[in-house]
Amino acid sequence: QVQLVESGGGLVQAGGSLRLSCAASGNIFSINAMGWYRQSPGKQRELVAAITSDGSTNYAASVKGRFTISRDNAKNTVYLQMNSLKPEDTAVYYCNAEAVDVTGSYENYWGQGTQVTASS
């Protein structure tokens, strides 16, 4: 089993910044892609940003140029630096990891979610 623990959410004024962290732990053999998704009330969960094990990144059009995803493979941790936050960025942000555990089982894991609120 692999566990994902997120931190760094909170309340910030529009235009402000927040940094999210997500640390993976447990019986990890390897982690492939890691990413951040978000979901606001009444909407489907959507991809915000993703990063592969070799550092290739992908961003939603709505956050490109404002958000930066990065990872520390030695720490099994992924980060999301969010700048110039807008009220429409308000959502619960979920960490995601595609991981192989020590038994060889490949699964898609999710964190518990962290609330990000950008007030106008």
Protein backbone atom coordinates (compact mmCIF):
# COMPACT_ATOMS: atom_id res chain seq x y z
CA GLN A 1 0.00 0.00 0.00
CA VAL A 2 1.01 3.58 -0.69
CA GLN A 3 -0.23 6.61 1.22
CA LEU A 4 -0.28 10.21 0.00
CA VAL A 5 -0.33 13.06 2.51
CA GLU A 6 -0.98 16.60 1.31
CA SER A 7 -0.24 19.89 3.01
CA GLY A 8 -0.14 23.59 2.25
CA GLY A 9 -3.71 24.50 1.46
CA GLY A 10 -5.42 27.52 2.97
CA LEU A 11 -7.09 30.86 2.45
CA VAL A 12 -5.39 33.60 0.46
CA GLN A 13 -6.48 36.82 -1.21
CA ALA A 14 -6.76 36.87 -4.97
CA GLY A 15 -3.34 37.53 -6.45
CA GLY A 16 -1.60 35.70 -3.64
CA SER A 17 0.42 32.49 -3.62
CA LEU A 18 0.30 29.08 -1.99
CA ARG A 19 2.52 26.02 -2.21
CA LEU A 20 1.08 22.53 -1.93
CA SER A 21 3.14 19.48 -1.01
CA CYS A 22 2.32 15.80 -1.26
CA ALA A 23 4.52 13.12 0.22
CA ALA A 24 4.15 9.47 -0.72
CA SER A 25 5.03 6.77 1.80
CA GLY A 26 4.55 3.06 2.34
CA ASN A 27 5.72 0.01 0.45
CA ILE A 28 6.87 1.91 -2.62
CA PHE A 29 8.88 0.28 -5.36
CA SER A 30 8.58 3.09 -7.88
CA ILE A 31 6.42 6.09 -8.69
CA ASN A 32 5.67 7.03 -12.28
CA ALA A 33 3.55 10.11 -12.90
CA MET A 34 2.43 12.37 -10.05
CA GLY A 35 -0.08 15.12 -10.33
CA TRP A 36 -2.58 17.50 -8.84
CA TYR A 37 -6.30 17.54 -9.54
CA ARG A 38 -8.98 19.83 -8.19
CA GLN A 39 -12.70 19.72 -7.65
CA SER A 40 -15.09 22.52 -6.78
CA PRO A 41 -18.75 22.07 -5.78
CA GLY A 42 -20.93 20.92 -8.63
CA LYS A 43 -18.01 20.31 -10.96
CA GLN A 44 -16.06 17.27 -12.03
CA ARG A 45 -12.55 16.65 -10.80
CA GLU A 46 -10.09 18.09 -13.28
CA LEU A 47 -6.38 17.78 -13.91
CA VAL A 48 -4.38 20.81 -12.82
CA ALA A 49 -0.83 19.65 -13.50
CA ALA A 50 1.14 16.44 -13.84
CA ILE A 51 4.81 15.48 -13.90
CA THR A 52 6.49 12.27 -14.99
CA SER A 53 9.40 10.60 -13.25
CA ASP A 54 11.82 12.19 -15.73
CA GLY A 55 10.40 15.68 -15.19
CA SER A 56 8.09 16.18 -18.16
CA THR A 57 5.17 18.38 -17.19
CA ASN A 58 1.62 19.01 -18.36
CA TYR A 59 -0.69 21.83 -17.26
CA ALA A 60 -4.33 22.75 -17.62
CA ALA A 61 -4.70 25.78 -19.88
CA SER A 62 -6.33 27.74 -17.06
CA VAL A 63 -3.23 27.54 -14.83
CA LYS A 64 -0.41 27.63 -17.35
CA GLY A 65 2.02 30.42 -16.54
CA ARG A 66 0.73 30.77 -12.97
CA PHE A 67 1.25 27.30 -11.45
CA THR A 68 4.44 25.24 -11.40
CA ILE A 69 4.63 21.54 -10.59
CA SER A 70 7.86 19.94 -9.43
CA ARG A 71 8.96 16.78 -7.65
CA ASP A 72 11.74 15.43 -5.51
CA ASN A 73 12.16 11.79 -6.45
CA ALA A 74 14.47 11.09 -3.51
CA LYS A 75 11.69 12.19 -1.13
CA ASN A 76 8.77 10.80 -3.18
CA THR A 77 7.25 14.26 -2.96
CA VAL A 78 5.45 16.45 -5.47
CA TYR A 79 4.87 20.18 -5.14
CA LEU A 80 2.52 22.69 -6.69
CA GLN A 81 3.54 26.35 -6.55
CA MET A 82 0.46 28.46 -7.19
CA ASN A 83 0.94 32.14 -7.98
CA SER A 84 -1.50 34.87 -9.00
CA LEU A 85 -4.38 32.88 -7.54
CA LYS A 86 -7.86 33.70 -8.76
CA PRO A 87 -11.22 33.10 -7.08
CA GLU A 88 -11.93 30.47 -9.75
CA ASP A 89 -8.95 28.46 -8.47
CA THR A 90 -10.91 27.82 -5.28
CA ALA A 91 -11.37 24.06 -4.91
CA VAL A 92 -10.28 20.98 -3.04
CA TYR A 93 -6.92 19.94 -4.47
CA TYR A 94 -6.04 16.25 -4.62
CA CYS A 95 -2.64 14.67 -5.06
CA ASN A 96 -2.40 11.67 -7.38
CA ALA A 97 0.37 9.15 -7.93
CA GLU A 98 0.76 6.17 -10.23
CA ALA A 99 2.87 3.82 -8.15
CA VAL A 100 4.16 0.29 -8.05
CA ASP A 101 4.46 -1.21 -4.59
CA VAL A 102 6.96 -3.83 -3.46
CA THR A 103 4.61 -6.67 -4.43
CA GLY A 104 4.59 -5.42 -8.02
CA SER A 105 1.05 -4.10 -7.82
CA TYR A 106 0.46 -1.02 -10.00
CA GLU A 107 -2.25 1.33 -8.75
CA ASN A 108 -3.47 4.88 -8.94
CA TYR A 109 -3.39 6.49 -5.50
CA TRP A 110 -5.14 9.61 -4.19
CA GLY A 111 -4.53 11.91 -1.27
CA GLN A 112 -7.27 13.06 1.08
CA GLY A 113 -7.51 16.52 -0.46
CA THR A 114 -6.64 19.99 0.78
CA GLN A 115 -8.82 23.07 0.50
CA VAL A 116 -7.53 26.09 -1.42
CA THR A 117 -9.58 29.27 -1.24
CA ALA A 118 -8.71 32.47 -3.10
CA SER A 119 -10.97 35.30 -1.94
CA SER A 120 -11.85 38.27 -4.11
